[in-house]
C-alpha atoms as a PDB file:
ATOM      1  CA  MET A   1      -0.014   0.040   0.008  1.00  0.00           C
ATOM      2  CA  LYS A   2       2.790   2.400   0.796  1.00  0.00           C
ATOM      3  CA  LYS A   3       4.452   1.758  -2.495  1.00  0.00           C
ATOM      4  CA  SER A   4       1.185   2.496  -4.308  1.00  0.00           C
ATOM      5  CA  THR A   5       0.775   5.717  -2.454  1.00  0.00           C
ATOM      6  CA  LEU A   6       4.298   6.779  -3.148  1.00  0.00           C
ATOM      7  CA  ALA A   7       3.893   6.038  -6.900  1.00  0.00           C
ATOM      8  CA  ALA A   8       0.637   7.940  -7.053  1.00  0.00           C
ATOM      9  CA  GLY A   9       2.192  10.932  -5.398  1.00  0.00           C
ATOM     10  CA  LEU A  10       5.201  10.983  -7.710  1.00  0.00           C
ATOM     11  CA  LEU A  11       2.888  10.663 -10.702  1.00  0.00           C
ATOM     12  CA  ALA A  12       0.856  13.681  -9.548  1.00  0.00           C
ATOM     13  CA  LEU A  13       3.981  15.828  -9.088  1.00  0.00           C
ATOM     14  CA  SER A  14       5.427  14.707 -12.417  1.00  0.00           C
ATOM     15  CA  SER A  15       2.113  15.543 -14.251  1.00  0.00           C
ATOM     16  CA  ALA A  16       1.897  18.924 -12.524  1.00  0.00           C
ATOM     17  CA  ALA A  17       5.315  19.828 -13.922  1.00  0.00           C
ATOM     18  CA  MET A  18       4.286  19.306 -17.550  1.00  0.00           C
ATOM     19  CA  ALA A  19       2.788  22.128 -19.555  1.00  0.00           C
ATOM     20  CA  GLY A  20      -1.049  21.881 -19.373  1.00  0.00           C
ATOM     21  CA  PRO A  21      -3.170  22.205 -22.495  1.00  0.00           C
ATOM     22  CA  ALA A  22      -3.996  25.817 -21.560  1.00  0.00           C
ATOM     23  CA  ALA A  23      -0.346  26.829 -21.227  1.00  0.00           C
ATOM     24  CA  TYR A  24       0.746  29.959 -23.078  1.00  0.00           C
ATOM     25  CA  VAL A  25       3.960  31.748 -24.007  1.00  0.00           C
ATOM     26  CA  HIS A  26       4.961  34.623 -21.662  1.00  0.00           C
ATOM     27  CA  THR A  27       6.625  37.737 -23.145  1.00  0.00           C
ATOM     28  CA  PRO A  28       8.822  40.408 -21.495  1.00  0.00           C
ATOM     29  CA  THR A  29       6.281  43.078 -22.144  1.00  0.00           C
ATOM     30  CA  VAL A  30       4.819  45.580 -19.557  1.00  0.00           C
ATOM     31  CA  GLU A  31       2.239  48.239 -20.360  1.00  0.00           C
ATOM     32  CA  TYR A  32       2.084  50.519 -17.417  1.00  0.00           C
ATOM     33  CA  GLY A  33      -1.511  51.255 -16.268  1.00  0.00           C
ATOM     34  CA  GLU A  34      -3.069  48.703 -18.542  1.00  0.00           C
ATOM     35  CA  THR A  35      -5.519  46.179 -17.134  1.00  0.00           C
ATOM     36  CA  GLU A  36      -6.169  42.773 -18.793  1.00  0.00           C
ATOM     37  CA  ILE A  37      -8.725  40.065 -18.451  1.00  0.00           C
ATOM     38  CA  GLU A  38      -7.480  36.905 -20.075  1.00  0.00           C
ATOM     39  CA  LEU A  39      -8.969  33.496 -20.951  1.00  0.00           C
ATOM     40  CA  HIS A  40      -6.673  30.745 -21.805  1.00  0.00           C
ATOM     41  CA  LEU A  41      -8.233  27.409 -23.108  1.00  0.00           C
ATOM     42  CA  GLY A  42      -6.753  24.094 -24.195  1.00  0.00           C
ATOM     43  CA  THR A  43      -7.646  20.490 -24.839  1.00  0.00           C
ATOM     44  CA  THR A  44      -5.561  17.338 -25.275  1.00  0.00           C
ATOM     45  CA  ARG A  45      -5.596  13.544 -24.818  1.00  0.00           C
ATOM     46  CA  GLU A  46      -2.612  11.437 -23.747  1.00  0.00           C
ATOM     47  CA  PRO A  47      -2.328   7.974 -25.374  1.00  0.00           C
ATOM     48  CA  GLY A  48      -4.639   5.668 -23.522  1.00  0.00           C
ATOM     49  CA  GLU A  49      -5.984   8.417 -21.316  1.00  0.00           C
ATOM     50  CA  GLU A  50      -9.271  10.397 -21.179  1.00  0.00           C
ATOM     51  CA  ARG A  51      -9.434  13.771 -22.851  1.00  0.00           C
ATOM     52  CA  GLU A  52      -8.198  16.603 -20.635  1.00  0.00           C
ATOM     53  CA  THR A  53      -9.626  20.095 -21.099  1.00  0.00           C
ATOM     54  CA  ALA A  54      -8.304  23.142 -19.173  1.00  0.00           C
ATOM     55  CA  ALA A  55      -9.180  26.750 -18.743  1.00  0.00           C
ATOM     56  CA  VAL A  56      -7.342  29.595 -17.029  1.00  0.00           C
ATOM     57  CA  LEU A  57      -9.061  32.870 -16.089  1.00  0.00           C
ATOM     58  CA  ALA A  58      -6.615  35.674 -15.296  1.00  0.00           C
ATOM     59  CA  PHE A  59      -6.665  39.275 -14.166  1.00  0.00           C
ATOM     60  CA  ALA A  60      -3.548  41.323 -14.676  1.00  0.00           C
ATOM     61  CA  ARG A  61      -2.246  44.930 -14.545  1.00  0.00           C
ATOM     62  CA  GLY A  62       0.945  46.808 -15.371  1.00  0.00           C
ATOM     63  CA  LEU A  63       1.671  48.188 -11.937  1.00  0.00           C
ATOM     64  CA  THR A  64       4.812  50.161 -12.967  1.00  0.00           C
ATOM     65  CA  GLN A  65       6.782  50.578 -16.255  1.00  0.00           C
ATOM     66  CA  HIS A  66       8.747  47.405 -15.429  1.00  0.00           C
ATOM     67  CA  TRP A  67       6.365  45.307 -13.271  1.00  0.00           C
ATOM     68  CA  TYR A  68       3.375  43.181 -14.582  1.00  0.00           C
ATOM     69  CA  SER A  69       1.363  41.294 -12.020  1.00  0.00           C
ATOM     70  CA  GLU A  70      -1.324  38.700 -12.640  1.00  0.00           C
ATOM     71  CA  VAL A  71      -3.739  36.481 -10.646  1.00  0.00           C
ATOM     72  CA  GLU A  72      -4.852  33.193 -12.349  1.00  0.00           C
ATOM     73  CA  PHE A  73      -7.516  30.603 -11.496  1.00  0.00           C
ATOM     74  CA  GLU A  74      -6.882  27.264 -13.259  1.00  0.00           C
ATOM     75  CA  PHE A  75      -9.730  24.898 -14.019  1.00  0.00           C
ATOM     76  CA  GLU A  76      -9.512  21.359 -15.385  1.00  0.00           C
ATOM     77  CA  ARG A  77     -11.821  18.628 -16.629  1.00  0.00           C
ATOM     78  CA  GLU A  78     -10.905  15.032 -17.425  1.00  0.00           C
ATOM     79  CA  GLY A  79     -13.252  12.893 -19.581  1.00  0.00           C
ATOM     80  CA  SER A  80     -16.846  12.938 -18.267  1.00  0.00           C
ATOM     81  CA  GLN A  81     -15.854  14.193 -14.819  1.00  0.00           C
ATOM     82  CA  GLY A  82     -17.050  17.618 -13.746  1.00  0.00           C
ATOM     83  CA  THR A  83     -14.942  20.784 -14.018  1.00  0.00           C
ATOM     84  CA  ARG A  84     -12.941  21.540 -10.986  1.00  0.00           C
ATOM     85  CA  LEU A  85     -10.695  24.314  -9.710  1.00  0.00           C
ATOM     86  CA  GLU A  86      -7.150  22.892  -9.979  1.00  0.00           C
ATOM     87  CA  ALA A  87      -5.062  25.724  -8.586  1.00  0.00           C
ATOM     88  CA  PHE A  88      -4.631  29.474  -8.182  1.00  0.00           C
ATOM     89  CA  GLU A  89      -1.519  31.397  -9.129  1.00  0.00           C
ATOM     90  CA  TRP A  90       0.212  34.702  -8.635  1.00  0.00           C
ATOM     91  CA  ALA A  91       2.516  35.507 -11.532  1.00  0.00           C
ATOM     92  CA  ASN A  92       4.826  38.489 -11.993  1.00  0.00           C
ATOM     93  CA  ILE A  93       6.989  39.734 -14.907  1.00  0.00           C
ATOM     94  CA  LEU A  94       9.855  42.136 -14.324  1.00  0.00           C
ATOM     95  CA  THR A  95      11.668  43.911 -17.079  1.00  0.00           C
ATOM     96  CA  PHE A  96      14.959  45.793 -16.859  1.00  0.00           C
ATOM     97  CA  ALA A  97      14.997  48.159 -19.836  1.00  0.00           C
ATOM     98  CA  GLU A  98      12.694  49.627 -22.441  1.00  0.00           C
ATOM     99  CA  GLN A  99      11.725  47.286 -25.308  1.00  0.00           C
ATOM    100  CA  GLY A 100      14.430  47.410 -28.010  1.00  0.00           C
ATOM    101  CA  GLU A 101      16.968  49.183 -25.743  1.00  0.00           C
ATOM    102  CA  TRP A 102      19.137  46.072 -25.348  1.00  0.00           C
ATOM    103  CA  PRO A 103      20.176  43.662 -28.137  1.00  0.00           C
ATOM    104  CA  VAL A 104      17.786  41.104 -26.621  1.00  0.00           C
ATOM    105  CA  ASP A 105      14.787  42.076 -24.508  1.00  0.00           C
ATOM    106  CA  LEU A 106      14.960  40.417 -21.121  1.00  0.00           C
ATOM    107  CA  GLY A 107      12.444  39.749 -18.456  1.00  0.00           C
ATOM    108  CA  LEU A 108      12.143  37.699 -15.277  1.00  0.00           C
ATOM    109  CA  LEU A 109       9.182  35.475 -14.609  1.00  0.00           C
ATOM    110  CA  LEU A 110       8.273  34.706 -10.891  1.00  0.00           C
ATOM    111  CA  VAL A 111       5.263  32.466 -10.177  1.00  0.00           C
ATOM    112  CA  LEU A 112       3.816  31.116  -6.958  1.00  0.00           C
ATOM    113  CA  GLU A 113       1.062  28.555  -7.435  1.00  0.00           C
ATOM    114  CA  ARG A 114      -1.095  26.811  -4.831  1.00  0.00           C
ATOM    115  CA  PRO A 115      -2.660  23.512  -6.043  1.00  0.00           C
ATOM    116  CA  MET A 116      -6.031  22.713  -4.546  1.00  0.00           C
ATOM    117  CA  ASP A 117      -4.618  19.317  -3.707  1.00  0.00           C
ATOM    118  CA  HIS A 118      -2.464  20.559  -0.727  1.00  0.00           C
ATOM    119  CA  ALA A 119      -0.414  17.275  -0.836  1.00  0.00           C
ATOM    120  CA  GLU A 120       1.374  18.917  -3.775  1.00  0.00           C
ATOM    121  CA  GLY A 121       2.455  21.842  -1.600  1.00  0.00           C
ATOM    122  CA  TRP A 122       3.314  25.057  -3.371  1.00  0.00           C
ATOM    123  CA  GLU A 123       4.725  25.279  -6.829  1.00  0.00           C
ATOM    124  CA  VAL A 124       7.403  27.903  -7.571  1.00  0.00           C
ATOM    125  CA  LYS A 125       8.498  28.896 -11.075  1.00  0.00           C
ATOM    126  CA  VAL A 126      11.434  31.150 -11.962  1.00  0.00           C
ATOM    127  CA  GLY A 127      12.333  31.776 -15.580  1.00  0.00           C
ATOM    128  CA  ALA A 128      14.107  34.057 -18.035  1.00  0.00           C
ATOM    129  CA  LEU A 129      11.925  35.661 -20.751  1.00  0.00           C
ATOM    130  CA  LEU A 130      14.018  36.364 -23.911  1.00  0.00           C
ATOM    131  CA  GLN A 131      12.735  38.291 -27.005  1.00  0.00           C
ATOM    132  CA  LYS A 132      14.430  39.430 -30.152  1.00  0.00           C
ATOM    133  CA  ASP A 133      13.112  41.322 -33.170  1.00  0.00           C
ATOM    134  CA  PHE A 134      14.337  40.970 -36.689  1.00  0.00           C
ATOM    135  CA  GLY A 135      12.265  43.403 -38.721  1.00  0.00           C
ATOM    136  CA  LYS A 136       8.760  41.980 -38.810  1.00  0.00           C
ATOM    137  CA  VAL A 137       9.902  38.692 -37.267  1.00  0.00           C
ATOM    138  CA  GLN A 138       9.739  38.354 -33.466  1.00  0.00           C
ATOM    139  CA  LEU A 139      11.372  35.441 -31.577  1.00  0.00           C
ATOM    140  CA  ASN A 140      10.744  34.285 -27.975  1.00  0.00           C
ATOM    141  CA  PHE A 141      12.410  31.657 -25.853  1.00  0.00           C
ATOM    142  CA  ASN A 142      11.760  31.143 -22.130  1.00  0.00           C
ATOM    143  CA  PRO A 143      13.679  28.565 -20.012  1.00  0.00           C
ATOM    144  CA  ILE A 144      11.830  28.047 -16.711  1.00  0.00           C
ATOM    145  CA  LEU A 145      12.667  26.241 -13.537  1.00  0.00           C
ATOM    146  CA  GLU A 146       9.848  24.635 -11.540  1.00  0.00           C
ATOM    147  CA  ARG A 147       9.760  23.040  -8.109  1.00  0.00           C
ATOM    148  CA  HIS A 148       7.213  21.953  -5.502  1.00  0.00           C
ATOM    149  CA  LEU A 149       7.762  23.145  -1.902  1.00  0.00           C
ATOM    150  CA  ASP A 150       6.204  21.730   1.255  1.00  0.00           C
ATOM    151  CA  ALA A 151       4.805  18.744  -0.733  1.00  0.00           C
ATOM    152  CA  GLU A 152       4.174  15.363   0.871  1.00  0.00           C
ATOM    153  CA  GLU A 153       6.444  13.674  -1.734  1.00  0.00           C
ATOM    154  CA  GLU A 154       9.989  14.831  -2.575  1.00  0.00           C
ATOM    155  CA  SER A 155      10.240  17.087  -5.594  1.00  0.00           C
ATOM    156  CA  GLU A 156      13.040  17.860  -7.998  1.00  0.00           C
ATOM    157  CA  THR A 157      13.788  21.275  -9.646  1.00  0.00           C
ATOM    158  CA  GLU A 158      12.724  20.662 -13.294  1.00  0.00           C
ATOM    159  CA  LEU A 159      13.405  22.506 -16.478  1.00  0.00           C
ATOM    160  CA  VAL A 160      10.593  23.411 -18.847  1.00  0.00           C
ATOM    161  CA  TYR A 161      10.586  25.741 -21.801  1.00  0.00           C
ATOM    162  CA  GLU A 162       8.226  27.746 -24.115  1.00  0.00           C
ATOM    163  CA  TRP A 163       8.974  29.401 -27.369  1.00  0.00           C
ATOM    164  CA  GLN A 164       7.376  31.114 -30.299  1.00  0.00           C
ATOM    165  CA  ALA A 165       8.264  32.790 -33.605  1.00  0.00           C
ATOM    166  CA  LYS A 166       5.870  35.018 -35.404  1.00  0.00           C
ATOM    167  CA  TYR A 167       5.762  37.205 -38.591  1.00  0.00           C
ATOM    168  CA  ARG A 168       3.889  40.483 -37.922  1.00  0.00           C
ATOM    169  CA  TYR A 169       2.053  40.609 -41.206  1.00  0.00           C
ATOM    170  CA  ALA A 170      -0.655  43.023 -39.896  1.00  0.00           C
ATOM    171  CA  GLN A 171      -1.867  44.078 -36.479  1.00  0.00           C
ATOM    172  CA  ALA A 172      -5.036  41.967 -36.866  1.00  0.00           C
ATOM    173  CA  PHE A 173      -3.296  38.865 -38.247  1.00  0.00           C
ATOM    174  CA  GLU A 174       0.194  37.487 -37.473  1.00  0.00           C
ATOM    175  CA  PHE A 175       1.328  33.979 -37.984  1.00  0.00           C
ATOM    176  CA  GLY A 176       4.138  31.717 -36.851  1.00  0.00           C
ATOM    177  CA  MET A 177       4.955  28.777 -34.548  1.00  0.00           C
ATOM    178  CA  GLN A 178       4.718  27.919 -30.886  1.00  0.00           C
ATOM    179  CA  GLY A 179       6.257  25.161 -28.761  1.00  0.00           C
ATOM    180  CA  PHE A 180       6.462  23.840 -25.168  1.00  0.00           C
ATOM    181  CA  GLY A 181       8.463  21.161 -23.526  1.00  0.00           C
ATOM    182  CA  GLU A 182       9.715  19.535 -20.379  1.00  0.00           C
ATOM    183  CA  VAL A 183      13.117  17.775 -20.051  1.00  0.00           C
ATOM    184  CA  GLY A 184      13.129  16.568 -16.487  1.00  0.00           C
ATOM    185  CA  LYS A 185      15.537  17.483 -13.692  1.00  0.00           C
ATOM    186  CA  TRP A 186      17.324  20.750 -14.602  1.00  0.00           C
ATOM    187  CA  ASN A 187      20.869  19.279 -14.178  1.00  0.00           C
ATOM    188  CA  ASP A 188      20.142  15.647 -15.130  1.00  0.00           C
ATOM    189  CA  TRP A 189      17.788  15.542 -18.095  1.00  0.00           C
ATOM    190  CA  GLU A 190      15.552  12.507 -18.743  1.00  0.00           C
ATOM    191  CA  ASP A 191      16.236  10.249 -21.708  1.00  0.00           C
ATOM    192  CA  SER A 192      14.922  11.830 -24.917  1.00  0.00           C
ATOM    193  CA  ASP A 193      11.932   9.329 -25.092  1.00  0.00           C
ATOM    194  CA  GLU A 194      10.829  10.303 -21.525  1.00  0.00           C
ATOM    195  CA  GLN A 195      10.831  14.065 -22.236  1.00  0.00           C
ATOM    196  CA  THR A 196       7.859  16.055 -23.420  1.00  0.00           C
ATOM    197  CA  HIS A 197       8.039  18.186 -26.554  1.00  0.00           C
ATOM    198  CA  MET A 198       5.207  19.752 -28.629  1.00  0.00           C
ATOM    199  CA  ALA A 199       5.206  22.425 -31.373  1.00  0.00           C
ATOM    200  CA  GLY A 200       2.946  23.595 -34.231  1.00  0.00           C
ATOM    201  CA  PRO A 201       1.526  26.471 -36.215  1.00  0.00           C
ATOM    202  CA  ALA A 202       0.023  29.506 -34.524  1.00  0.00           C
ATOM    203  CA  ILE A 203      -1.893  32.688 -35.384  1.00  0.00           C
ATOM    204  CA  PHE A 204      -1.993  35.909 -33.445  1.00  0.00           C
ATOM    205  CA  GLY A 205      -3.756  39.271 -33.664  1.00  0.00           C
ATOM    206  CA  LYS A 206      -5.003  42.420 -32.019  1.00  0.00           C
ATOM    207  CA  TRP A 207      -8.247  44.317 -32.725  1.00  0.00           C
ATOM    208  CA  PRO A 208      -8.483  47.860 -31.312  1.00  0.00           C
ATOM    209  CA  ILE A 209     -11.801  48.873 -29.809  1.00  0.00           C
ATOM    210  CA  GLY A 210     -12.201  52.551 -29.390  1.00  0.00           C
ATOM    211  CA  GLU A 211      -9.305  54.746 -28.395  1.00  0.00           C
ATOM    212  CA  HIS A 212      -7.603  52.605 -25.789  1.00  0.00           C
ATOM    213  CA  ASP A 213      -9.286  49.164 -25.492  1.00  0.00           C
ATOM    214  CA  ALA A 214      -8.336  46.179 -27.558  1.00  0.00           C
ATOM    215  CA  ILE A 215      -8.991  42.386 -27.920  1.00  0.00           C
ATOM    216  CA  LYS A 216      -5.988  40.154 -28.564  1.00  0.00           C
ATOM    217  CA  TYR A 217      -5.975  36.556 -29.502  1.00  0.00           C
ATOM    218  CA  ASP A 218      -3.618  33.772 -30.266  1.00  0.00           C
ATOM    219  CA  MET A 219      -4.162  30.093 -31.195  1.00  0.00           C
ATOM    220  CA  ALA A 220      -1.936  27.152 -31.852  1.00  0.00           C
ATOM    221  CA  LEU A 221      -2.321  23.477 -32.860  1.00  0.00           C
ATOM    222  CA  LEU A 222       0.563  21.654 -31.243  1.00  0.00           C
ATOM    223  CA  TYR A 223       1.814  18.195 -32.325  1.00  0.00           C
ATOM    224  CA  GLY A 224       3.605  15.811 -30.013  1.00  0.00           C
ATOM    225  CA  LEU A 225       7.269  15.391 -31.199  1.00  0.00           C
ATOM    226  CA  ASN A 226       7.723  11.989 -29.429  1.00  0.00           C
ATOM    227  CA  ASP A 227       5.778   9.076 -28.066  1.00  0.00           C
ATOM    228  CA  HIS A 228       5.746  10.487 -24.593  1.00  0.00           C
ATOM    229  CA  THR A 229       3.718  13.583 -25.672  1.00  0.00           C
ATOM    230  CA  ALA A 230       0.030  13.756 -26.557  1.00  0.00           C
ATOM    231  CA  ASP A 231      -0.366  13.606 -30.388  1.00  0.00           C
ATOM    232  CA  HIS A 232      -2.389  16.837 -30.611  1.00  0.00           C
ATOM    233  CA  THR A 233      -3.065  19.793 -28.317  1.00  0.00           C
ATOM    234  CA  LEU A 234      -5.284  22.716 -29.251  1.00  0.00           C
ATOM    235  CA  ARG A 235      -4.791  25.914 -27.219  1.00  0.00           C
ATOM    236  CA  MET A 236      -5.952  29.476 -27.531  1.00  0.00           C
ATOM    237  CA  THR A 237      -6.027  32.769 -25.621  1.00  0.00           C
ATOM    238  CA  VAL A 238      -8.472  35.621 -25.775  1.00  0.00           C
ATOM    239  CA  GLU A 239      -7.501  38.866 -23.929  1.00  0.00           C
ATOM    240  CA  TYR A 240      -9.307  42.147 -23.325  1.00  0.00           C
ATOM    241  CA  GLU A 241      -7.078  45.084 -22.645  1.00  0.00           C
ATOM    242  CA  PHE A 242      -8.330  48.410 -21.185  1.00  0.00           C
END
């Protein structure tokens, strides 16, 4: 019985480290005084598992010229089970210069998450947000460290990543690629067939509403790049800025 309990706990922590279907790419961008209401949605199905659907409702604001803060509520549904609140999260992005001032735009991501299953303790995420523009092409890459604290089972510090590349064709329509992955312990990666990697085409856009308000969107169809990753994940974000 103890072995079964230990295995279940380790599985729960391992699953929590992977990018959920509603995951999105963070950017080192802060708009001082701007308030945002965001809805992140995603759905996927692991081989042999029931379909997982997730939603994240977020409220954010640019508190200073270099500090963006956000509160998120994460919901999840598996198969025919009811939708449940999975966790709540406080995320912060800090920037250190004006956009374009340095050769590479740099931000710091700091996240504190509290799963509703308190056996998982608290999840802490710390990551670098890197962005570079080449004319109309914008590239982002974010390496992020994750670890559970005060959990019933021992947790390792794991390395995950998110990236995107987009061509800014027009304000209302941009296109490119997105990807997410998890490689295991930050200093002792899992074998390649045990890692998680997904990538696929994405579209983006922003529609101004009036003088200051706007609606932003992005959507991606992600394909699993190995047998350890779900074959297909569909994710999208709709954001109202005011």
